Amino acid sequence: MDVKEIQYLFEGISNTLGGLGGELYETLVAKGKKRMGQEGTADTPQVSELIKRTREKQTVAELISKGQKGQDELIQSIGGEVKKILSSAGIVTKSDLARVERRIDEIDKALGKGE
């Protein structure tokens, strides 16, 4: 790591953790005031609410990840089924044509050398 990049590292960390860090700070201060009997009526959200929001964000990210994996699996499955249908129906595919063209080229070369 280059020493010149440290400022960017700290800026990235600050930016990433800034929102949650500020809420956490305020929540912990409110908890401390409550424990010491100096709780105000308009204090910040409780730690449990912050934990709940953090878990919700993780759950959404997990659902998105599972959805993407499921989509990839579905596409692969459909592709496999399409290949089976094409091969059983006798429909010529691009790869079939390419294989035949390669074979014709091989035969042409062999006949040209045989003369």
C-alpha atoms as a PDB file:
ATOM      1  CA  MET A   1       0.000   0.000   0.000  1.00  0.00           C
ATOM      2  CA  ASP A   2       1.306   3.388  -0.979  1.00  0.00           C
ATOM      3  CA  VAL A   3       1.464   5.958   1.829  1.00  0.00           C
ATOM      4  CA  LYS A   4      -0.156   8.513  -0.482  1.00  0.00           C
ATOM      5  CA  GLU A   5      -3.256   6.302  -0.720  1.00  0.00           C
ATOM      6  CA  ILE A   6      -3.886   6.196   3.048  1.00  0.00           C
ATOM      7  CA  GLN A   7      -5.968   9.385   2.942  1.00  0.00           C
ATOM      8  CA  TYR A   8      -8.199   7.768   0.317  1.00  0.00           C
ATOM      9  CA  LEU A   9      -8.489   4.629   2.438  1.00  0.00           C
ATOM     10  CA  PHE A  10      -9.667   6.618   5.449  1.00  0.00           C
ATOM     11  CA  GLU A  11     -12.045   8.666   3.296  1.00  0.00           C
ATOM     12  CA  GLY A  12     -13.560   5.450   1.927  1.00  0.00           C
ATOM     13  CA  ILE A  13     -13.949   3.986   5.404  1.00  0.00           C
ATOM     14  CA  SER A  14     -15.458   7.220   6.695  1.00  0.00           C
ATOM     15  CA  ASN A  15     -17.881   7.422   3.779  1.00  0.00           C
ATOM     16  CA  THR A  16     -18.905   3.774   4.112  1.00  0.00           C
ATOM     17  CA  LEU A  17     -19.390   3.775   7.866  1.00  0.00           C
ATOM     18  CA  GLY A  18     -20.441   7.407   8.236  1.00  0.00           C
ATOM     19  CA  GLY A  19     -24.219   6.949   8.209  1.00  0.00           C
ATOM     20  CA  LEU A  20     -24.350   3.969  10.507  1.00  0.00           C
ATOM     21  CA  GLY A  21     -21.534   5.315  12.680  1.00  0.00           C
ATOM     22  CA  GLY A  22     -23.361   8.594  13.328  1.00  0.00           C
ATOM     23  CA  GLU A  23     -26.576   6.809  14.261  1.00  0.00           C
ATOM     24  CA  LEU A  24     -24.673   4.356  16.433  1.00  0.00           C
ATOM     25  CA  TYR A  25     -22.858   7.188  18.217  1.00  0.00           C
ATOM     26  CA  GLU A  26     -26.105   9.014  18.945  1.00  0.00           C
ATOM     27  CA  THR A  27     -27.800   5.817  20.082  1.00  0.00           C
ATOM     28  CA  LEU A  28     -24.964   4.899  22.428  1.00  0.00           C
ATOM     29  CA  VAL A  29     -24.947   8.408  23.912  1.00  0.00           C
ATOM     30  CA  ALA A  30     -28.720   8.125  24.493  1.00  0.00           C
ATOM     31  CA  LYS A  31     -28.233   4.726  26.158  1.00  0.00           C
ATOM     32  CA  GLY A  32     -25.537   6.197  28.389  1.00  0.00           C
ATOM     33  CA  LYS A  33     -27.793   9.096  29.363  1.00  0.00           C
ATOM     34  CA  LYS A  34     -30.595   6.664  30.122  1.00  0.00           C
ATOM     35  CA  ARG A  35     -28.367   4.549  32.359  1.00  0.00           C
ATOM     36  CA  MET A  36     -27.226   7.648  34.207  1.00  0.00           C
ATOM     37  CA  GLY A  37     -30.783   8.960  34.618  1.00  0.00           C
ATOM     38  CA  GLN A  38     -30.393  11.900  32.247  1.00  0.00           C
ATOM     39  CA  GLU A  39     -32.589  10.591  29.455  1.00  0.00           C
ATOM     40  CA  GLY A  40     -34.386  13.170  27.304  1.00  0.00           C
ATOM     41  CA  THR A  41     -37.734  12.683  25.615  1.00  0.00           C
ATOM     42  CA  ALA A  42     -36.401  13.347  22.114  1.00  0.00           C
ATOM     43  CA  ASP A  43     -33.387  11.004  22.224  1.00  0.00           C
ATOM     44  CA  THR A  44     -32.192   8.961  19.236  1.00  0.00           C
ATOM     45  CA  PRO A  45     -33.399   5.500  18.136  1.00  0.00           C
ATOM     46  CA  GLN A  46     -32.608   2.469  20.244  1.00  0.00           C
ATOM     47  CA  VAL A  47     -29.760   0.070  19.449  1.00  0.00           C
ATOM     48  CA  SER A  48     -32.304  -2.654  18.722  1.00  0.00           C
ATOM     49  CA  GLU A  49     -33.785  -0.484  15.956  1.00  0.00           C
ATOM     50  CA  LEU A  50     -30.341  -0.002  14.412  1.00  0.00           C
ATOM     51  CA  ILE A  51     -29.675  -3.732  14.599  1.00  0.00           C
ATOM     52  CA  LYS A  52     -33.060  -4.398  12.990  1.00  0.00           C
ATOM     53  CA  ARG A  53     -32.290  -2.017  10.097  1.00  0.00           C
ATOM     54  CA  THR A  54     -28.847  -3.563   9.612  1.00  0.00           C
ATOM     55  CA  ARG A  55     -30.351  -7.057   9.505  1.00  0.00           C
ATOM     56  CA  GLU A  56     -32.981  -5.903   7.003  1.00  0.00           C
ATOM     57  CA  LYS A  57     -30.249  -4.577   4.715  1.00  0.00           C
ATOM     58  CA  GLN A  58     -28.388  -7.892   4.978  1.00  0.00           C
ATOM     59  CA  THR A  59     -31.579  -9.829   4.273  1.00  0.00           C
ATOM     60  CA  VAL A  60     -32.300  -7.768   1.157  1.00  0.00           C
ATOM     61  CA  ALA A  61     -28.732  -8.326  -0.062  1.00  0.00           C
ATOM     62  CA  GLU A  62     -29.070 -12.073   0.565  1.00  0.00           C
ATOM     63  CA  LEU A  63     -32.376 -12.190  -1.324  1.00  0.00           C
ATOM     64  CA  ILE A  64     -30.875 -10.345  -4.281  1.00  0.00           C
ATOM     65  CA  SER A  65     -27.911 -12.727  -4.308  1.00  0.00           C
ATOM     66  CA  LYS A  66     -30.170 -15.796  -4.164  1.00  0.00           C
ATOM     67  CA  GLY A  67     -32.349 -14.347  -6.918  1.00  0.00           C
ATOM     68  CA  GLN A  68     -29.351 -13.822  -9.188  1.00  0.00           C
ATOM     69  CA  LYS A  69     -28.101 -17.369  -8.537  1.00  0.00           C
ATOM     70  CA  GLY A  70     -31.572 -18.749  -9.213  1.00  0.00           C
ATOM     71  CA  GLN A  71     -31.794 -16.761 -12.443  1.00  0.00           C
ATOM     72  CA  ASP A  72     -28.428 -18.108 -13.618  1.00  0.00           C
ATOM     73  CA  GLU A  73     -29.487 -21.674 -12.807  1.00  0.00           C
ATOM     74  CA  LEU A  74     -32.783 -21.194 -14.644  1.00  0.00           C
ATOM     75  CA  ILE A  75     -31.034 -19.860 -17.746  1.00  0.00           C
ATOM     76  CA  GLN A  76     -28.627 -22.817 -17.747  1.00  0.00           C
ATOM     77  CA  SER A  77     -31.484 -25.258 -17.297  1.00  0.00           C
ATOM     78  CA  ILE A  78     -33.493 -23.714 -20.135  1.00  0.00           C
ATOM     79  CA  GLY A  79     -30.426 -23.736 -22.384  1.00  0.00           C
ATOM     80  CA  GLY A  80     -29.890 -27.441 -21.693  1.00  0.00           C
ATOM     81  CA  GLU A  81     -33.518 -28.237 -22.459  1.00  0.00           C
ATOM     82  CA  VAL A  82     -33.401 -26.254 -25.710  1.00  0.00           C
ATOM     83  CA  LYS A  83     -30.311 -28.194 -26.804  1.00  0.00           C
ATOM     84  CA  LYS A  84     -32.067 -31.495 -26.030  1.00  0.00           C
ATOM     85  CA  ILE A  85     -35.144 -30.453 -28.003  1.00  0.00           C
ATOM     86  CA  LEU A  86     -33.085 -29.312 -30.991  1.00  0.00           C
ATOM     87  CA  SER A  87     -31.042 -32.492 -31.077  1.00  0.00           C
ATOM     88  CA  SER A  88     -34.101 -34.754 -30.767  1.00  0.00           C
ATOM     89  CA  ALA A  89     -36.012 -32.780 -33.430  1.00  0.00           C
ATOM     90  CA  GLY A  90     -33.185 -33.147 -35.923  1.00  0.00           C
ATOM     91  CA  ILE A  91     -32.747 -29.398 -36.395  1.00  0.00           C
ATOM     92  CA  VAL A  92     -29.288 -28.417 -37.599  1.00  0.00           C
ATOM     93  CA  THR A  93     -27.456 -25.983 -35.339  1.00  0.00           C
ATOM     94  CA  LYS A  94     -24.576 -23.593 -36.063  1.00  0.00           C
ATOM     95  CA  SER A  95     -22.142 -25.938 -34.344  1.00  0.00           C
ATOM     96  CA  ASP A  96     -23.388 -28.832 -36.512  1.00  0.00           C
ATOM     97  CA  LEU A  97     -22.792 -26.759 -39.659  1.00  0.00           C
ATOM     98  CA  ALA A  98     -19.353 -25.682 -38.464  1.00  0.00           C
ATOM     99  CA  ARG A  99     -18.405 -29.316 -37.787  1.00  0.00           C
ATOM    100  CA  VAL A 100     -19.570 -30.360 -41.292  1.00  0.00           C
ATOM    101  CA  GLU A 101     -17.668 -27.471 -42.897  1.00  0.00           C
ATOM    102  CA  ARG A 102     -14.479 -28.464 -41.029  1.00  0.00           C
ATOM    103  CA  ARG A 103     -14.906 -32.056 -42.203  1.00  0.00           C
ATOM    104  CA  ILE A 104     -15.438 -30.944 -45.832  1.00  0.00           C
ATOM    105  CA  ASP A 105     -12.270 -28.841 -45.629  1.00  0.00           C
ATOM    106  CA  GLU A 106     -10.354 -31.874 -44.306  1.00  0.00           C
ATOM    107  CA  ILE A 107     -11.662 -34.055 -47.140  1.00  0.00           C
ATOM    108  CA  ASP A 108     -10.803 -31.396 -49.743  1.00  0.00           C
ATOM    109  CA  LYS A 109      -7.253 -31.166 -48.398  1.00  0.00           C
ATOM    110  CA  ALA A 110      -6.911 -34.959 -48.385  1.00  0.00           C
ATOM    111  CA  LEU A 111      -8.156 -35.238 -51.997  1.00  0.00           C
ATOM    112  CA  GLY A 112      -5.887 -32.400 -53.084  1.00  0.00           C
ATOM    113  CA  LYS A 113      -2.853 -34.150 -51.623  1.00  0.00           C
ATOM    114  CA  GLY A 114      -3.856 -37.519 -53.127  1.00  0.00           C
ATOM    115  CA  GLU A 115      -3.669 -36.217 -56.717  1.00  0.00           C
END
